[in-house]
Amino acid sequence: KKVAIDAFNGNQMLNFNKCVRIADRIKNLQLFQNHKYSAKIKENRTTQKVLLMEFDKLKDVTEDQIWDMSSEIKKQDARENKAQFPFLGGNKNKGVNQIPPAQPVQE
């Protein structure tokens, strides 16, 4: 028996882009959960040395500098997405789509 539910606790808008991103993250997490680490992973001194050298280069970077870098990357991503998906860029609701009203359940 199907039961009609109030969509999204009464919200009338659905952020489709956010739903797609969340679904993608869940799929990636499930992928990691399904593939267990094995004892075959071996310590790699060269990789560790390279990582430590790279971390050492960043030790003097401030939180504000990291924020600025992150903001710039976010802008670049937005420009790339707009160029790649121009049909999404013109949406006045910025990815938020109207949820259709619930239909009565027929028994």
C-alpha atoms as a PDB file:
ATOM      1  CA  LYS A   1       0.000   0.000   0.000  1.00  0.00           C
ATOM      2  CA  LYS A   2       1.416   3.384  -1.009  1.00  0.00           C
ATOM      3  CA  VAL A   3       1.090   6.299   1.348  1.00  0.00           C
ATOM      4  CA  ALA A   4       1.340   9.947   0.270  1.00  0.00           C
ATOM      5  CA  ILE A   5       3.906  11.904   2.259  1.00  0.00           C
ATOM      6  CA  ASP A   6       4.445  15.607   2.614  1.00  0.00           C
ATOM      7  CA  ALA A   7       7.397  16.305   0.307  1.00  0.00           C
ATOM      8  CA  PHE A   8      10.489  17.604   2.116  1.00  0.00           C
ATOM      9  CA  ASN A   9       8.683  18.634   5.305  1.00  0.00           C
ATOM     10  CA  GLY A  10       6.480  21.141   3.520  1.00  0.00           C
ATOM     11  CA  ASN A  11       9.253  22.888   1.570  1.00  0.00           C
ATOM     12  CA  GLN A  12       8.103  23.945  -1.865  1.00  0.00           C
ATOM     13  CA  MET A  13      11.564  24.114  -3.457  1.00  0.00           C
ATOM     14  CA  LEU A  14      14.082  21.401  -4.319  1.00  0.00           C
ATOM     15  CA  ASN A  15      17.753  22.191  -4.917  1.00  0.00           C
ATOM     16  CA  PHE A  16      18.381  19.623  -7.641  1.00  0.00           C
ATOM     17  CA  ASN A  17      22.092  20.456  -8.030  1.00  0.00           C
ATOM     18  CA  LYS A  18      22.642  19.896  -4.322  1.00  0.00           C
ATOM     19  CA  CYS A  19      20.774  16.578  -4.473  1.00  0.00           C
ATOM     20  CA  VAL A  20      22.984  15.423  -7.352  1.00  0.00           C
ATOM     21  CA  ARG A  21      26.170  16.406  -5.458  1.00  0.00           C
ATOM     22  CA  ILE A  22      25.009  14.596  -2.315  1.00  0.00           C
ATOM     23  CA  ALA A  23      24.080  11.485  -4.309  1.00  0.00           C
ATOM     24  CA  ASP A  24      27.526  11.532  -5.929  1.00  0.00           C
ATOM     25  CA  ARG A  25      29.250  11.781  -2.554  1.00  0.00           C
ATOM     26  CA  ILE A  26      27.155   8.926  -1.161  1.00  0.00           C
ATOM     27  CA  LYS A  27      28.040   6.790  -4.184  1.00  0.00           C
ATOM     28  CA  ASN A  28      31.753   7.499  -3.642  1.00  0.00           C
ATOM     29  CA  LEU A  29      31.520   6.626   0.049  1.00  0.00           C
ATOM     30  CA  GLN A  30      29.759   3.364  -0.776  1.00  0.00           C
ATOM     31  CA  LEU A  31      32.529   2.556  -3.247  1.00  0.00           C
ATOM     32  CA  PHE A  32      35.138   2.917  -0.492  1.00  0.00           C
ATOM     33  CA  GLN A  33      33.025   0.902   1.933  1.00  0.00           C
ATOM     34  CA  ASN A  34      32.716  -1.961  -0.550  1.00  0.00           C
ATOM     35  CA  HIS A  35      36.472  -2.188  -1.224  1.00  0.00           C
ATOM     36  CA  LYS A  36      38.327  -2.998   1.949  1.00  0.00           C
ATOM     37  CA  TYR A  37      41.964  -2.085   2.487  1.00  0.00           C
ATOM     38  CA  SER A  38      44.233  -5.070   2.385  1.00  0.00           C
ATOM     39  CA  ALA A  39      47.529  -6.026   3.928  1.00  0.00           C
ATOM     40  CA  LYS A  40      49.100  -5.554   0.497  1.00  0.00           C
ATOM     41  CA  ILE A  41      49.635  -1.840   1.142  1.00  0.00           C
ATOM     42  CA  LYS A  42      53.317  -1.321   1.802  1.00  0.00           C
ATOM     43  CA  GLU A  43      55.160   1.616   3.267  1.00  0.00           C
ATOM     44  CA  ASN A  44      56.733   3.777   0.580  1.00  0.00           C
ATOM     45  CA  ARG A  45      59.570   5.909   1.923  1.00  0.00           C
ATOM     46  CA  THR A  46      59.877   7.961  -1.273  1.00  0.00           C
ATOM     47  CA  THR A  47      56.221   8.959  -1.225  1.00  0.00           C
ATOM     48  CA  GLN A  48      56.416   9.802   2.472  1.00  0.00           C
ATOM     49  CA  LYS A  49      59.482  11.980   1.880  1.00  0.00           C
ATOM     50  CA  VAL A  50      57.800  13.858  -0.983  1.00  0.00           C
ATOM     51  CA  LEU A  51      54.665  14.457   1.109  1.00  0.00           C
ATOM     52  CA  LEU A  52      56.672  15.709   4.084  1.00  0.00           C
ATOM     53  CA  MET A  53      58.621  18.097   1.820  1.00  0.00           C
ATOM     54  CA  GLU A  54      55.364  19.451   0.345  1.00  0.00           C
ATOM     55  CA  PHE A  55      53.826  19.870   3.805  1.00  0.00           C
ATOM     56  CA  ASP A  56      56.964  21.703   4.935  1.00  0.00           C
ATOM     57  CA  LYS A  57      56.560  24.189   2.048  1.00  0.00           C
ATOM     58  CA  LEU A  58      53.066  25.033   3.321  1.00  0.00           C
ATOM     59  CA  LYS A  59      53.848  25.429   7.015  1.00  0.00           C
ATOM     60  CA  ASP A  60      53.875  29.252   6.821  1.00  0.00           C
ATOM     61  CA  VAL A  61      50.621  29.582   4.878  1.00  0.00           C
ATOM     62  CA  THR A  62      48.034  31.464   6.919  1.00  0.00           C
ATOM     63  CA  GLU A  63      44.351  30.673   7.269  1.00  0.00           C
ATOM     64  CA  ASP A  64      43.517  33.844   5.307  1.00  0.00           C
ATOM     65  CA  GLN A  65      45.753  32.741   2.435  1.00  0.00           C
ATOM     66  CA  ILE A  66      44.067  29.340   2.364  1.00  0.00           C
ATOM     67  CA  TRP A  67      40.666  31.082   2.363  1.00  0.00           C
ATOM     68  CA  ASP A  68      41.737  33.283  -0.582  1.00  0.00           C
ATOM     69  CA  MET A  69      43.017  30.265  -2.534  1.00  0.00           C
ATOM     70  CA  SER A  70      39.814  28.374  -1.841  1.00  0.00           C
ATOM     71  CA  SER A  71      37.667  31.326  -2.918  1.00  0.00           C
ATOM     72  CA  GLU A  72      39.602  31.686  -6.169  1.00  0.00           C
ATOM     73  CA  ILE A  73      39.239  27.965  -6.946  1.00  0.00           C
ATOM     74  CA  LYS A  74      35.507  28.206  -6.236  1.00  0.00           C
ATOM     75  CA  LYS A  75      35.209  31.084  -8.737  1.00  0.00           C
ATOM     76  CA  GLN A  76      37.189  29.120 -11.336  1.00  0.00           C
ATOM     77  CA  ASP A  77      34.953  26.085 -10.829  1.00  0.00           C
ATOM     78  CA  ALA A  78      31.843  28.237 -11.259  1.00  0.00           C
ATOM     79  CA  ARG A  79      33.195  29.688 -14.525  1.00  0.00           C
ATOM     80  CA  GLU A  80      34.101  26.217 -15.823  1.00  0.00           C
ATOM     81  CA  ASN A  81      30.676  24.814 -14.881  1.00  0.00           C
ATOM     82  CA  LYS A  82      28.931  27.735 -16.549  1.00  0.00           C
ATOM     83  CA  ALA A  83      30.958  27.171 -19.724  1.00  0.00           C
ATOM     84  CA  GLN A  84      30.407  23.401 -19.614  1.00  0.00           C
ATOM     85  CA  PHE A  85      26.700  23.559 -18.716  1.00  0.00           C
ATOM     86  CA  PRO A  86      25.331  26.844 -20.101  1.00  0.00           C
ATOM     87  CA  PHE A  87      21.758  25.532 -19.909  1.00  0.00           C
ATOM     88  CA  LEU A  88      22.073  25.432 -16.090  1.00  0.00           C
ATOM     89  CA  GLY A  89      23.527  28.917 -15.769  1.00  0.00           C
ATOM     90  CA  GLY A  90      20.363  30.761 -16.799  1.00  0.00           C
ATOM     91  CA  ASN A  91      18.167  29.288 -14.079  1.00  0.00           C
ATOM     92  CA  LYS A  92      16.924  32.191 -11.953  1.00  0.00           C
ATOM     93  CA  ASN A  93      16.494  29.806  -8.999  1.00  0.00           C
ATOM     94  CA  LYS A  94      20.179  28.744  -9.126  1.00  0.00           C
ATOM     95  CA  GLY A  95      19.483  25.020  -9.307  1.00  0.00           C
ATOM     96  CA  VAL A  96      16.432  25.135  -7.054  1.00  0.00           C
ATOM     97  CA  ASN A  97      13.407  23.648  -8.773  1.00  0.00           C
ATOM     98  CA  GLN A  98       9.761  23.792  -7.740  1.00  0.00           C
ATOM     99  CA  ILE A  99       8.468  20.580  -6.168  1.00  0.00           C
ATOM    100  CA  PRO A 100       5.228  19.475  -7.796  1.00  0.00           C
ATOM    101  CA  PRO A 101       2.262  19.102  -5.445  1.00  0.00           C
ATOM    102  CA  ALA A 102       1.616  15.639  -4.039  1.00  0.00           C
ATOM    103  CA  GLN A 103      -0.830  13.550  -6.049  1.00  0.00           C
ATOM    104  CA  PRO A 104      -3.607  11.704  -4.239  1.00  0.00           C
ATOM    105  CA  VAL A 105      -2.941   8.022  -3.683  1.00  0.00           C
ATOM    106  CA  GLN A 106      -5.243   5.687  -5.579  1.00  0.00           C
ATOM    107  CA  GLU A 107      -6.031   2.410  -3.906  1.00  0.00           C
END
